[in-house]
């Protein structure tokens, strides 16, 4: 990922937080044969251990050809946070061009696969608990024969993270008046996505101001 210095995030904590909050990611791996890279869109579990970067856990359908070639392969997992369009009309300083602000994390590691039923059940149970909430559906609600059949149809993936790469592109390269203009217009437009991006930009501006005050 191309990461200019003013957009780079080197502290692991916000990168791990982005993964945890935006856990539906993209699992990319080398090709099993001719045809190029392969990718799957999957919900991940993020485990903070082992240090320093933790581990990503997910599962794929056993019929997914990517699963058959994953064991021992280096993979890339991509997570997208807040993002949105920025108009040059929102800047105080001209000339300017349109751009897109966003936050993203790339996580690299070597995958291992498991077909162990106990481990697979743990993955399914934990994912279900996150997205169902208290009192929601559980695999144990289903007949044992059905649950066992479903577990035979998936492959568990574990990825100890070797490297995290983060890019939070939030107008840090623009003058303060431009940043304020973008934030104000995002809030004017409204909507969850625009408001979340405005909040992220404000937090980045506040953090930068605090760092300058300390220095």
N, C-alpha and C. Protein backbone atom coordinates (compact mmCIF):
# COMPACT_ATOMS: atom_id res chain seq x y z
N UNK A 1 0.85 -1.19 0.00
CA UNK A 1 0.00 0.00 0.00
C UNK A 1 0.89 1.24 0.00
N UNK A 2 0.56 2.19 -0.85
CA UNK A 2 1.29 3.45 -0.90
C UNK A 2 0.87 4.30 0.30
N UNK A 3 1.83 4.63 1.16
CA UNK A 3 1.51 5.35 2.40
C UNK A 3 2.46 6.54 2.56
N UNK A 4 2.08 7.73 2.08
CA UNK A 4 2.88 8.92 2.35
C UNK A 4 3.02 9.13 3.86
N UNK A 5 4.11 9.76 4.26
CA UNK A 5 4.44 9.86 5.68
C UNK A 5 3.32 10.51 6.50
N UNK A 6 2.63 11.53 5.95
CA UNK A 6 1.63 12.23 6.74
C UNK A 6 0.35 11.42 6.92
N UNK A 7 0.21 10.30 6.19
CA UNK A 7 -0.97 9.45 6.37
C UNK A 7 -0.64 8.14 7.10
N UNK A 8 0.63 7.91 7.40
CA UNK A 8 1.05 6.65 8.01
C UNK A 8 0.64 6.59 9.47
N UNK A 9 0.20 5.41 9.90
CA UNK A 9 -0.13 5.15 11.30
C UNK A 9 0.80 4.05 11.79
N UNK A 10 1.69 4.41 12.71
CA UNK A 10 2.69 3.45 13.16
C UNK A 10 2.37 2.84 14.53
N UNK A 11 1.44 3.43 15.23
CA UNK A 11 1.00 2.89 16.51
C UNK A 11 0.04 1.73 16.22
N UNK A 12 0.32 0.57 16.79
CA UNK A 12 -0.50 -0.61 16.51
C UNK A 12 -1.92 -0.49 17.06
N UNK A 13 -2.11 0.24 18.15
CA UNK A 13 -3.42 0.26 18.82
C UNK A 13 -4.55 0.72 17.91
N UNK A 14 -4.43 1.86 17.20
CA UNK A 14 -5.54 2.27 16.32
C UNK A 14 -5.74 1.33 15.14
N UNK A 15 -4.69 0.66 14.70
CA UNK A 15 -4.84 -0.30 13.60
C UNK A 15 -5.62 -1.52 14.07
N UNK A 16 -5.28 -2.00 15.26
CA UNK A 16 -6.01 -3.14 15.82
C UNK A 16 -7.46 -2.77 16.11
N UNK A 17 -7.68 -1.55 16.55
CA UNK A 17 -9.04 -1.10 16.83
C UNK A 17 -9.86 -1.03 15.54
N UNK A 18 -9.24 -0.58 14.45
CA UNK A 18 -9.96 -0.53 13.18
C UNK A 18 -10.36 -1.93 12.73
N UNK A 19 -9.43 -2.89 12.87
CA UNK A 19 -9.75 -4.26 12.49
C UNK A 19 -10.93 -4.78 13.31
N UNK A 20 -10.86 -4.58 14.62
CA UNK A 20 -11.92 -5.09 15.49
C UNK A 20 -13.28 -4.48 15.16
N UNK A 21 -13.29 -3.20 14.77
CA UNK A 21 -14.54 -2.50 14.48
C UNK A 21 -15.04 -2.71 13.05
N UNK A 22 -14.17 -3.18 12.18
CA UNK A 22 -14.52 -3.37 10.76
C UNK A 22 -14.03 -4.75 10.32
N UNK A 23 -14.55 -5.78 10.99
CA UNK A 23 -13.95 -7.12 10.89
C UNK A 23 -14.34 -7.87 9.63
N UNK A 24 -15.26 -7.34 8.83
CA UNK A 24 -15.57 -7.98 7.55
C UNK A 24 -14.51 -7.52 6.55
N UNK A 25 -13.57 -8.42 6.28
CA UNK A 25 -12.41 -8.04 5.49
C UNK A 25 -12.23 -8.88 4.25
N UNK A 26 -11.11 -8.66 3.60
CA UNK A 26 -10.77 -9.34 2.35
C UNK A 26 -9.52 -10.18 2.58
N UNK A 27 -9.62 -11.48 2.34
CA UNK A 27 -8.51 -12.42 2.48
C UNK A 27 -7.95 -12.71 1.10
N UNK A 28 -6.69 -12.31 0.88
CA UNK A 28 -6.05 -12.43 -0.43
C UNK A 28 -4.85 -13.36 -0.30
N UNK A 29 -4.74 -14.30 -1.24
CA UNK A 29 -3.63 -15.26 -1.19
C UNK A 29 -3.11 -15.54 -2.59
N UNK A 30 -1.91 -16.11 -2.68
CA UNK A 30 -1.35 -16.45 -4.00
C UNK A 30 -2.23 -17.49 -4.70
N UNK A 31 -2.12 -17.56 -6.00
CA UNK A 31 -2.96 -18.51 -6.74
C UNK A 31 -2.57 -19.95 -6.46
N UNK A 32 -3.56 -20.84 -6.46
CA UNK A 32 -3.29 -22.27 -6.33
C UNK A 32 -2.82 -22.84 -7.66
N UNK A 33 -3.07 -22.14 -8.73
CA UNK A 33 -2.70 -22.58 -10.07
C UNK A 33 -2.77 -21.39 -11.00
N UNK A 34 -2.94 -21.60 -12.28
CA UNK A 34 -3.07 -20.47 -13.21
C UNK A 34 -4.35 -19.69 -12.92
N UNK A 35 -4.28 -18.40 -13.16
CA UNK A 35 -5.48 -17.59 -12.95
C UNK A 35 -5.27 -16.41 -12.04
N UNK A 36 -4.11 -16.27 -11.43
CA UNK A 36 -3.83 -15.07 -10.65
C UNK A 36 -4.24 -15.19 -9.19
N UNK A 37 -4.16 -14.06 -8.48
CA UNK A 37 -4.46 -14.00 -7.06
C UNK A 37 -5.92 -14.40 -6.82
N UNK A 38 -6.17 -14.91 -5.59
CA UNK A 38 -7.53 -15.27 -5.21
C UNK A 38 -7.90 -14.52 -3.93
N UNK A 39 -9.19 -14.25 -3.75
CA UNK A 39 -9.63 -13.48 -2.59
C UNK A 39 -11.02 -13.92 -2.16
N UNK A 40 -11.26 -13.81 -0.85
CA UNK A 40 -12.58 -14.09 -0.29
C UNK A 40 -12.96 -12.98 0.68
N UNK A 41 -14.23 -12.62 0.69
CA UNK A 41 -14.76 -11.62 1.63
C UNK A 41 -15.33 -12.38 2.82
N UNK A 42 -14.76 -12.17 3.99
CA UNK A 42 -15.15 -12.97 5.16
C UNK A 42 -15.12 -12.12 6.44
N UNK A 43 -15.95 -12.48 7.42
CA UNK A 43 -15.82 -11.86 8.75
C UNK A 43 -14.68 -12.52 9.51
N UNK A 44 -13.87 -11.71 10.14
CA UNK A 44 -12.73 -12.20 10.90
C UNK A 44 -12.97 -12.03 12.40
N UNK A 45 -12.33 -12.88 13.17
CA UNK A 45 -12.13 -12.65 14.59
C UNK A 45 -10.73 -12.10 14.76
N UNK A 46 -10.58 -11.05 15.55
CA UNK A 46 -9.25 -10.53 15.84
C UNK A 46 -8.89 -10.87 17.28
N UNK A 47 -7.78 -11.58 17.46
CA UNK A 47 -7.28 -11.95 18.78
C UNK A 47 -6.00 -11.15 19.04
N UNK A 48 -5.94 -10.37 20.12
CA UNK A 48 -4.76 -9.52 20.37
C UNK A 48 -3.49 -10.31 20.67
N UNK A 49 -3.60 -11.54 21.08
CA UNK A 49 -2.43 -12.39 21.31
C UNK A 49 -2.28 -13.34 20.13
N UNK A 50 -1.04 -13.72 19.79
CA UNK A 50 0.23 -13.39 20.47
C UNK A 50 0.75 -12.01 20.06
N UNK A 51 1.54 -11.43 20.95
CA UNK A 51 2.18 -10.15 20.69
C UNK A 51 3.17 -10.30 19.53
N UNK A 52 3.50 -9.24 18.78
CA UNK A 52 3.02 -7.88 19.01
C UNK A 52 1.75 -7.51 18.25
N UNK A 53 1.34 -8.35 17.27
CA UNK A 53 0.26 -7.92 16.38
C UNK A 53 -0.99 -8.78 16.46
N UNK A 54 -0.96 -9.86 17.23
CA UNK A 54 -2.14 -10.68 17.38
C UNK A 54 -2.35 -11.66 16.25
N UNK A 55 -3.59 -12.15 16.17
CA UNK A 55 -3.92 -13.21 15.21
C UNK A 55 -5.31 -12.95 14.63
N UNK A 56 -5.47 -13.29 13.36
CA UNK A 56 -6.76 -13.24 12.68
C UNK A 56 -7.27 -14.66 12.47
N UNK A 57 -8.57 -14.83 12.69
CA UNK A 57 -9.19 -16.14 12.57
C UNK A 57 -10.46 -16.00 11.74
N UNK A 58 -10.68 -16.93 10.83
CA UNK A 58 -11.90 -16.91 10.02
C UNK A 58 -12.17 -18.33 9.54
N UNK A 59 -13.19 -18.50 8.73
CA UNK A 59 -13.40 -19.80 8.08
C UNK A 59 -13.91 -19.58 6.67
N UNK A 60 -13.62 -20.56 5.82
CA UNK A 60 -14.08 -20.56 4.44
C UNK A 60 -14.86 -21.84 4.19
N UNK A 61 -15.70 -21.80 3.19
CA UNK A 61 -16.36 -23.03 2.75
C UNK A 61 -15.30 -24.01 2.25
N UNK A 62 -15.46 -25.28 2.62
CA UNK A 62 -14.50 -26.28 2.16
C UNK A 62 -14.48 -26.37 0.64
N UNK A 63 -15.59 -26.03 0.00
CA UNK A 63 -15.65 -26.06 -1.46
C UNK A 63 -14.94 -24.87 -2.12
N UNK A 64 -14.57 -23.87 -1.32
CA UNK A 64 -13.85 -22.71 -1.85
C UNK A 64 -12.42 -23.12 -2.19
N UNK A 65 -12.05 -23.01 -3.44
CA UNK A 65 -10.72 -23.44 -3.87
C UNK A 65 -9.60 -22.73 -3.15
N UNK A 66 -9.85 -21.53 -2.65
CA UNK A 66 -8.81 -20.80 -1.93
C UNK A 66 -8.40 -21.56 -0.68
N UNK A 67 -9.37 -22.20 -0.01
CA UNK A 67 -9.08 -22.89 1.25
C UNK A 67 -8.07 -24.02 1.06
N UNK A 68 -8.16 -24.71 -0.06
CA UNK A 68 -7.32 -25.88 -0.28
C UNK A 68 -5.85 -25.52 -0.42
N UNK A 69 -5.56 -24.28 -0.83
CA UNK A 69 -4.17 -23.89 -1.09
C UNK A 69 -3.62 -22.93 -0.04
N UNK A 70 -4.34 -22.72 1.08
CA UNK A 70 -3.94 -21.67 2.03
C UNK A 70 -2.88 -22.12 3.03
N UNK A 71 -2.87 -23.37 3.40
CA UNK A 71 -2.00 -23.80 4.50
C UNK A 71 -0.54 -23.49 4.20
N UNK A 72 0.08 -22.67 5.08
CA UNK A 72 1.48 -22.30 4.92
C UNK A 72 1.73 -21.14 4.00
N UNK A 73 0.69 -20.59 3.38
CA UNK A 73 0.87 -19.49 2.44
C UNK A 73 0.88 -18.14 3.16
N UNK A 74 1.71 -17.22 2.66
CA UNK A 74 1.64 -15.84 3.15
C UNK A 74 0.41 -15.17 2.53
N UNK A 75 -0.37 -14.50 3.37
CA UNK A 75 -1.62 -13.91 2.90
C UNK A 75 -1.67 -12.44 3.31
N UNK A 76 -2.57 -11.73 2.66
CA UNK A 76 -2.84 -10.32 2.97
C UNK A 76 -4.32 -10.20 3.31
N UNK A 77 -4.62 -9.57 4.45
CA UNK A 77 -6.00 -9.30 4.85
C UNK A 77 -6.19 -7.79 4.88
N UNK A 78 -7.24 -7.31 4.23
CA UNK A 78 -7.49 -5.88 4.09
C UNK A 78 -8.77 -5.51 4.83
N UNK A 79 -8.69 -4.44 5.62
CA UNK A 79 -9.83 -3.96 6.38
C UNK A 79 -10.03 -2.48 6.07
N UNK A 80 -11.27 -2.11 5.75
CA UNK A 80 -11.61 -0.74 5.37
C UNK A 80 -12.41 -0.09 6.48
N UNK A 81 -11.98 1.09 6.92
CA UNK A 81 -12.71 1.84 7.92
C UNK A 81 -13.54 2.93 7.27
N UNK A 82 -13.66 4.07 7.93
CA UNK A 82 -14.46 5.17 7.39
C UNK A 82 -13.84 5.69 6.10
N UNK A 83 -14.71 6.20 5.20
CA UNK A 83 -14.21 6.75 3.94
C UNK A 83 -15.29 7.62 3.32
N UNK A 84 -14.87 8.49 2.40
CA UNK A 84 -15.83 9.33 1.71
C UNK A 84 -15.18 10.34 0.78
N UNK A 85 -16.01 10.87 -0.10
CA UNK A 85 -15.57 11.83 -1.12
C UNK A 85 -15.33 13.20 -0.48
N UNK A 86 -14.28 13.88 -1.00
CA UNK A 86 -13.96 15.25 -0.56
C UNK A 86 -13.93 16.16 -1.79
N UNK A 87 -14.79 17.15 -1.79
CA UNK A 87 -14.87 18.10 -2.91
C UNK A 87 -13.86 19.22 -2.73
N UNK A 88 -13.21 19.65 -3.82
CA UNK A 88 -12.31 20.81 -3.72
C UNK A 88 -13.05 22.10 -3.37
N UNK A 89 -14.36 22.10 -3.57
CA UNK A 89 -15.15 23.29 -3.21
C UNK A 89 -15.22 23.49 -1.69
N UNK A 90 -14.82 22.49 -0.94
CA UNK A 90 -14.85 22.59 0.52
C UNK A 90 -13.57 23.19 1.09
N UNK A 91 -12.58 23.41 0.24
CA UNK A 91 -11.31 23.94 0.70
C UNK A 91 -11.31 25.47 0.68
N UNK A 92 -10.58 26.04 1.62
CA UNK A 92 -10.36 27.48 1.60
C UNK A 92 -9.25 27.84 0.61
N UNK A 93 -8.30 26.92 0.43
CA UNK A 93 -7.14 27.18 -0.42
C UNK A 93 -7.32 26.52 -1.77
N UNK A 94 -7.15 27.30 -2.84
CA UNK A 94 -7.25 26.81 -4.21
C UNK A 94 -5.95 27.17 -4.94
N UNK A 95 -5.63 26.51 -6.07
CA UNK A 95 -6.41 25.48 -6.73
C UNK A 95 -6.35 24.15 -5.98
N UNK A 96 -7.31 23.27 -6.27
CA UNK A 96 -7.38 21.97 -5.61
C UNK A 96 -8.17 21.02 -6.50
N UNK A 97 -8.06 19.74 -6.20
CA UNK A 97 -8.77 18.71 -6.97
C UNK A 97 -9.55 17.81 -6.01
N UNK A 98 -10.53 17.07 -6.53
CA UNK A 98 -11.26 16.14 -5.67
C UNK A 98 -10.34 15.04 -5.13
N UNK A 99 -10.73 14.46 -4.00
CA UNK A 99 -9.98 13.34 -3.45
C UNK A 99 -10.93 12.46 -2.66
N UNK A 100 -10.38 11.41 -2.08
CA UNK A 100 -11.16 10.49 -1.26
C UNK A 100 -10.41 10.28 0.04
N UNK A 101 -11.05 10.57 1.15
CA UNK A 101 -10.45 10.30 2.46
C UNK A 101 -10.88 8.92 2.94
N UNK A 102 -9.98 8.25 3.64
CA UNK A 102 -10.30 6.89 4.08
C UNK A 102 -9.32 6.42 5.15
N UNK A 103 -9.72 5.35 5.82
CA UNK A 103 -8.83 4.66 6.75
C UNK A 103 -8.81 3.19 6.35
N UNK A 104 -7.61 2.60 6.37
CA UNK A 104 -7.49 1.20 5.95
C UNK A 104 -6.30 0.56 6.65
N UNK A 105 -6.40 -0.74 6.85
CA UNK A 105 -5.31 -1.52 7.44
C UNK A 105 -5.05 -2.75 6.58
N UNK A 106 -3.78 -3.01 6.31
CA UNK A 106 -3.35 -4.24 5.66
C UNK A 106 -2.62 -5.09 6.71
N UNK A 107 -3.03 -6.33 6.85
CA UNK A 107 -2.40 -7.26 7.80
C UNK A 107 -1.80 -8.42 7.03
N UNK A 108 -0.54 -8.71 7.31
CA UNK A 108 0.18 -9.77 6.61
C UNK A 108 0.54 -10.89 7.59
N UNK A 109 0.46 -12.11 7.12
CA UNK A 109 0.86 -13.24 7.96
C UNK A 109 0.80 -14.53 7.16
N UNK A 110 1.22 -15.62 7.80
CA UNK A 110 1.23 -16.93 7.16
C UNK A 110 0.06 -17.75 7.71
N UNK A 111 -0.78 -18.21 6.83
CA UNK A 111 -2.01 -18.89 7.24
C UNK A 111 -1.77 -20.36 7.56
N UNK A 112 -2.55 -20.85 8.49
CA UNK A 112 -2.64 -22.30 8.72
C UNK A 112 -4.12 -22.67 8.72
N UNK A 113 -4.42 -23.89 8.33
CA UNK A 113 -5.81 -24.32 8.23
C UNK A 113 -6.08 -25.42 9.24
N UNK A 114 -7.35 -25.55 9.62
CA UNK A 114 -7.76 -26.60 10.55
C UNK A 114 -9.11 -27.16 10.13
N UNK A 115 -9.26 -28.47 10.29
CA UNK A 115 -10.55 -29.14 10.12
C UNK A 115 -11.01 -29.74 11.45
N UNK A 116 -10.33 -29.39 12.54
CA UNK A 116 -10.67 -29.92 13.85
C UNK A 116 -12.07 -29.45 14.25
N UNK A 117 -13.00 -30.36 14.51
CA UNK A 117 -14.39 -29.94 14.79
C UNK A 117 -14.51 -29.02 16.01
N UNK A 118 -13.72 -29.26 17.06
CA UNK A 118 -13.81 -28.42 18.25
C UNK A 118 -13.36 -26.99 17.94
N UNK A 119 -12.28 -26.86 17.18
CA UNK A 119 -11.80 -25.53 16.82
C UNK A 119 -12.78 -24.83 15.89
N UNK A 120 -13.34 -25.57 14.94
CA UNK A 120 -14.31 -24.98 14.02
C UNK A 120 -15.56 -24.51 14.77
N UNK A 121 -16.02 -25.32 15.71
CA UNK A 121 -17.19 -24.92 16.49
C UNK A 121 -16.89 -23.66 17.30
N UNK A 122 -15.70 -23.56 17.83
CA UNK A 122 -15.32 -22.36 18.59
C UNK A 122 -15.36 -21.12 17.70
N UNK A 123 -14.86 -21.24 16.47
CA UNK A 123 -14.87 -20.10 15.54
C UNK A 123 -16.31 -19.68 15.23
N UNK A 124 -17.15 -20.66 14.91
CA UNK A 124 -18.55 -20.36 14.59
C UNK A 124 -19.27 -19.76 15.79
N UNK A 125 -19.04 -20.35 16.96
CA UNK A 125 -19.71 -19.85 18.17
C UNK A 125 -19.31 -18.42 18.48
N UNK A 126 -18.03 -18.11 18.33
CA UNK A 126 -17.57 -16.77 18.66
C UNK A 126 -18.08 -15.74 17.65
N UNK A 127 -18.06 -16.09 16.37
CA UNK A 127 -18.60 -15.18 15.36
C UNK A 127 -20.10 -14.96 15.58
N UNK A 128 -20.82 -16.03 15.87
CA UNK A 128 -22.26 -15.91 16.10
C UNK A 128 -22.55 -15.01 17.30
N UNK A 129 -21.77 -15.16 18.36
CA UNK A 129 -21.99 -14.37 19.57
C UNK A 129 -21.81 -12.89 19.29
N UNK A 130 -20.84 -12.54 18.43
CA UNK A 130 -20.60 -11.14 18.10
C UNK A 130 -21.78 -10.54 17.34
N UNK A 131 -22.25 -11.25 16.32
CA UNK A 131 -23.24 -10.67 15.41
C UNK A 131 -24.68 -10.96 15.81
N UNK A 132 -24.92 -12.01 16.60
CA UNK A 132 -26.27 -12.30 17.08
C UNK A 132 -26.59 -11.50 18.34
N UNK A 133 -25.58 -11.31 19.19
CA UNK A 133 -25.83 -10.64 20.46
C UNK A 133 -26.41 -11.60 21.48
N UNK A 134 -26.62 -11.11 22.71
CA UNK A 134 -27.14 -11.96 23.78
C UNK A 134 -28.49 -12.56 23.41
N UNK A 135 -28.63 -13.85 23.66
CA UNK A 135 -29.90 -14.52 23.38
C UNK A 135 -30.13 -14.86 21.93
N UNK A 136 -29.13 -14.60 21.07
CA UNK A 136 -29.29 -14.88 19.65
C UNK A 136 -29.05 -16.33 19.29
N UNK A 137 -29.08 -16.59 17.99
CA UNK A 137 -28.89 -17.96 17.49
C UNK A 137 -27.54 -18.50 17.90
N UNK A 138 -27.50 -19.81 18.19
CA UNK A 138 -26.27 -20.54 18.46
C UNK A 138 -26.30 -21.84 17.68
N UNK A 139 -25.12 -22.31 17.31
CA UNK A 139 -25.06 -23.58 16.60
C UNK A 139 -25.65 -24.70 17.44
N UNK A 140 -25.52 -24.58 18.75
CA UNK A 140 -26.06 -25.61 19.64
C UNK A 140 -27.59 -25.64 19.62
N UNK A 141 -28.24 -24.62 19.03
CA UNK A 141 -29.69 -24.64 18.88
C UNK A 141 -30.14 -25.67 17.85
N UNK A 142 -29.22 -26.05 16.98
CA UNK A 142 -29.55 -26.97 15.89
C UNK A 142 -29.27 -28.42 16.30
N UNK A 143 -29.91 -29.38 15.62
CA UNK A 143 -29.63 -30.80 15.91
C UNK A 143 -28.15 -31.13 15.72
N UNK A 144 -27.64 -32.02 16.53
CA UNK A 144 -26.22 -32.37 16.46
C UNK A 144 -25.82 -32.83 15.07
N UNK A 145 -26.67 -33.64 14.44
CA UNK A 145 -26.32 -34.16 13.11
C UNK A 145 -26.18 -33.03 12.10
N UNK A 146 -27.05 -32.02 12.20
CA UNK A 146 -26.98 -30.87 11.30
C UNK A 146 -25.71 -30.06 11.56
N UNK A 147 -25.42 -29.78 12.85
CA UNK A 147 -24.24 -29.01 13.21
C UNK A 147 -22.97 -29.70 12.73
N UNK A 148 -22.89 -31.01 12.94
CA UNK A 148 -21.71 -31.76 12.52
C UNK A 148 -21.54 -31.70 11.01
N UNK A 149 -22.65 -31.78 10.28
CA UNK A 149 -22.60 -31.69 8.82
C UNK A 149 -22.11 -30.33 8.37
N UNK A 150 -22.61 -29.27 9.01
CA UNK A 150 -22.19 -27.92 8.65
C UNK A 150 -20.70 -27.72 8.94
N UNK A 151 -20.22 -28.22 10.05
CA UNK A 151 -18.80 -28.06 10.40
C UNK A 151 -17.90 -28.81 9.43
N UNK A 152 -18.39 -29.92 8.90
CA UNK A 152 -17.59 -30.64 7.90
C UNK A 152 -17.47 -29.85 6.60
N UNK A 153 -18.34 -28.87 6.43
CA UNK A 153 -18.34 -28.10 5.20
C UNK A 153 -17.51 -26.83 5.23
N UNK A 154 -16.76 -26.61 6.33
CA UNK A 154 -15.93 -25.40 6.41
C UNK A 154 -14.49 -25.75 6.80
N UNK A 155 -13.62 -24.81 6.54
CA UNK A 155 -12.20 -24.92 6.90
C UNK A 155 -11.84 -23.71 7.75
N UNK A 156 -11.26 -23.93 8.91
CA UNK A 156 -10.83 -22.83 9.76
C UNK A 156 -9.48 -22.29 9.31
N UNK A 157 -9.32 -20.98 9.41
CA UNK A 157 -8.09 -20.30 9.00
C UNK A 157 -7.56 -19.51 10.19
N UNK A 158 -6.29 -19.70 10.52
CA UNK A 158 -5.63 -18.92 11.57
C UNK A 158 -4.41 -18.23 10.97
N UNK A 159 -4.29 -16.92 11.25
CA UNK A 159 -3.21 -16.12 10.65
C UNK A 159 -2.53 -15.30 11.74
N UNK A 160 -1.42 -15.77 12.31
CA UNK A 160 -0.64 -14.89 13.19
C UNK A 160 -0.12 -13.71 12.37
N UNK A 161 -0.40 -12.51 12.82
CA UNK A 161 -0.07 -11.31 12.03
C UNK A 161 1.40 -10.95 12.23
N UNK A 162 2.14 -10.97 11.13
CA UNK A 162 3.56 -10.61 11.16
C UNK A 162 3.77 -9.11 11.01
N UNK A 163 2.87 -8.47 10.27
CA UNK A 163 3.07 -7.05 9.97
C UNK A 163 1.72 -6.37 9.77
N UNK A 164 1.59 -5.18 10.36
CA UNK A 164 0.41 -4.34 10.16
C UNK A 164 0.83 -3.07 9.45
N UNK A 165 0.05 -2.67 8.48
CA UNK A 165 0.33 -1.46 7.70
C UNK A 165 -0.95 -0.63 7.69
N UNK A 166 -0.86 0.61 8.16
CA UNK A 166 -2.06 1.43 8.24
C UNK A 166 -1.93 2.73 7.50
N UNK A 167 -3.04 3.14 6.90
CA UNK A 167 -3.10 4.44 6.22
C UNK A 167 -4.42 5.11 6.62
N UNK A 168 -4.29 6.24 7.33
CA UNK A 168 -5.45 7.04 7.70
C UNK A 168 -5.32 8.36 6.93
N UNK A 169 -5.96 8.43 5.78
CA UNK A 169 -5.88 9.61 4.90
C UNK A 169 -7.04 10.53 5.28
N UNK A 170 -6.75 11.52 6.12
CA UNK A 170 -7.78 12.35 6.72
C UNK A 170 -7.46 13.84 6.58
N UNK A 171 -6.89 14.20 5.42
CA UNK A 171 -6.56 15.60 5.08
C UNK A 171 -5.45 16.17 5.95
N UNK A 172 -4.58 15.30 6.49
CA UNK A 172 -3.48 15.80 7.32
C UNK A 172 -2.50 16.65 6.52
N UNK A 173 -2.52 16.54 5.19
CA UNK A 173 -1.61 17.32 4.35
C UNK A 173 -2.19 18.67 3.95
N UNK A 174 -3.39 19.02 4.46
CA UNK A 174 -4.04 20.26 4.10
C UNK A 174 -3.95 21.27 5.25
N UNK A 175 -4.03 22.57 4.94
CA UNK A 175 -4.06 23.58 6.00
C UNK A 175 -5.27 23.39 6.91
N UNK A 176 -5.16 23.93 8.12
CA UNK A 176 -6.22 23.76 9.12
C UNK A 176 -7.57 24.26 8.60
N UNK A 177 -7.56 25.36 7.84
CA UNK A 177 -8.83 25.89 7.32
C UNK A 177 -9.49 24.93 6.34
N UNK A 178 -8.69 24.23 5.56
CA UNK A 178 -9.24 23.24 4.63
C UNK A 178 -9.84 22.06 5.39
N UNK A 179 -9.13 21.60 6.42
CA UNK A 179 -9.64 20.48 7.22
C UNK A 179 -10.97 20.86 7.85
N UNK A 180 -11.03 22.07 8.41
CA UNK A 180 -12.27 22.54 9.02
C UNK A 180 -13.41 22.60 8.00
N UNK A 181 -13.08 23.04 6.78
CA UNK A 181 -14.10 23.12 5.74
C UNK A 181 -14.64 21.76 5.34
N UNK A 182 -13.75 20.79 5.24
CA UNK A 182 -14.19 19.43 4.89
C UNK A 182 -15.08 18.87 5.99
N UNK A 183 -14.65 19.02 7.24
CA UNK A 183 -15.43 18.50 8.36
C UNK A 183 -16.82 19.15 8.38
N UNK A 184 -16.87 20.47 8.21
CA UNK A 184 -18.15 21.18 8.25
C UNK A 184 -19.09 20.71 7.14
N UNK A 185 -18.55 20.48 5.95
CA UNK A 185 -19.40 20.06 4.84
C UNK A 185 -19.85 18.61 4.96
N UNK A 186 -18.99 17.76 5.51
CA UNK A 186 -19.42 16.39 5.77
C UNK A 186 -20.57 16.37 6.78
N UNK A 187 -20.47 17.22 7.81
CA UNK A 187 -21.55 17.28 8.80
C UNK A 187 -22.82 17.88 8.18
N UNK A 188 -22.63 18.84 7.28
CA UNK A 188 -23.79 19.43 6.61
C UNK A 188 -24.52 18.39 5.77
N UNK A 189 -23.77 17.56 5.06
CA UNK A 189 -24.39 16.53 4.23
C UNK A 189 -25.07 15.47 5.08
N UNK A 190 -24.49 15.15 6.23
CA UNK A 190 -25.08 14.19 7.13
C UNK A 190 -25.00 12.76 6.62
N UNK A 191 -25.66 11.87 7.32
CA UNK A 191 -25.58 10.44 7.00
C UNK A 191 -24.48 9.80 7.83
N UNK A 192 -24.68 8.55 8.16
CA UNK A 192 -23.75 7.88 9.06
C UNK A 192 -22.32 7.89 8.53
N UNK A 193 -22.14 7.61 7.24
CA UNK A 193 -20.78 7.52 6.68
C UNK A 193 -20.08 8.87 6.73
N UNK A 194 -20.77 9.94 6.32
CA UNK A 194 -20.15 11.26 6.33
C UNK A 194 -19.85 11.73 7.76
N UNK A 195 -20.77 11.46 8.67
CA UNK A 195 -20.55 11.89 10.06
C UNK A 195 -19.40 11.11 10.70
N UNK A 196 -19.29 9.82 10.39
CA UNK A 196 -18.19 9.03 10.93
C UNK A 196 -16.85 9.51 10.39
N UNK A 197 -16.81 9.87 9.10
CA UNK A 197 -15.58 10.40 8.51
C UNK A 197 -15.23 11.75 9.13
N UNK A 198 -16.22 12.61 9.34
CA UNK A 198 -15.98 13.90 9.98
C UNK A 198 -15.41 13.71 11.38
N UNK A 199 -15.96 12.76 12.13
CA UNK A 199 -15.45 12.48 13.49
C UNK A 199 -13.99 12.01 13.44
N UNK A 200 -13.68 11.14 12.48
CA UNK A 200 -12.31 10.64 12.36
C UNK A 200 -11.34 11.76 12.01
N UNK A 201 -11.78 12.66 11.10
CA UNK A 201 -10.93 13.79 10.74
C UNK A 201 -10.72 14.72 11.92
N UNK A 202 -11.77 14.97 12.69
CA UNK A 202 -11.64 15.83 13.86
C UNK A 202 -10.70 15.23 14.88
N UNK A 203 -10.81 13.91 15.07
CA UNK A 203 -9.92 13.24 16.03
C UNK A 203 -8.48 13.33 15.57
N UNK A 204 -8.24 13.14 14.27
CA UNK A 204 -6.87 13.23 13.74
C UNK A 204 -6.33 14.65 13.92
N UNK A 205 -7.17 15.66 13.68
CA UNK A 205 -6.73 17.05 13.85
C UNK A 205 -6.44 17.35 15.32
N UNK A 206 -7.29 16.85 16.22
CA UNK A 206 -7.07 17.06 17.65
C UNK A 206 -5.79 16.38 18.12
N UNK A 207 -5.56 15.16 17.64
CA UNK A 207 -4.34 14.43 18.01
C UNK A 207 -3.09 15.15 17.53
N UNK A 208 -3.14 15.68 16.31
CA UNK A 208 -2.01 16.42 15.77
C UNK A 208 -1.74 17.68 16.59
N UNK A 209 -2.79 18.37 16.98
CA UNK A 209 -2.63 19.57 17.79
C UNK A 209 -2.03 19.24 19.15
N UNK A 210 -2.44 18.12 19.73
CA UNK A 210 -1.90 17.71 21.03
C UNK A 210 -0.42 17.36 20.92
N UNK A 211 -0.04 16.70 19.82
CA UNK A 211 1.37 16.38 19.62
C UNK A 211 2.21 17.64 19.47
N UNK A 212 1.69 18.62 18.73
CA UNK A 212 2.43 19.87 18.56
C UNK A 212 2.57 20.59 19.90
N UNK A 213 1.55 20.54 20.72
CA UNK A 213 1.62 21.20 22.04
C UNK A 213 2.66 20.52 22.93
N UNK A 214 2.76 19.21 22.84
CA UNK A 214 3.77 18.49 23.64
C UNK A 214 5.17 18.82 23.17
N UNK A 215 5.31 18.95 21.84
CA UNK A 215 6.64 19.22 21.27
C UNK A 215 7.06 20.67 21.56
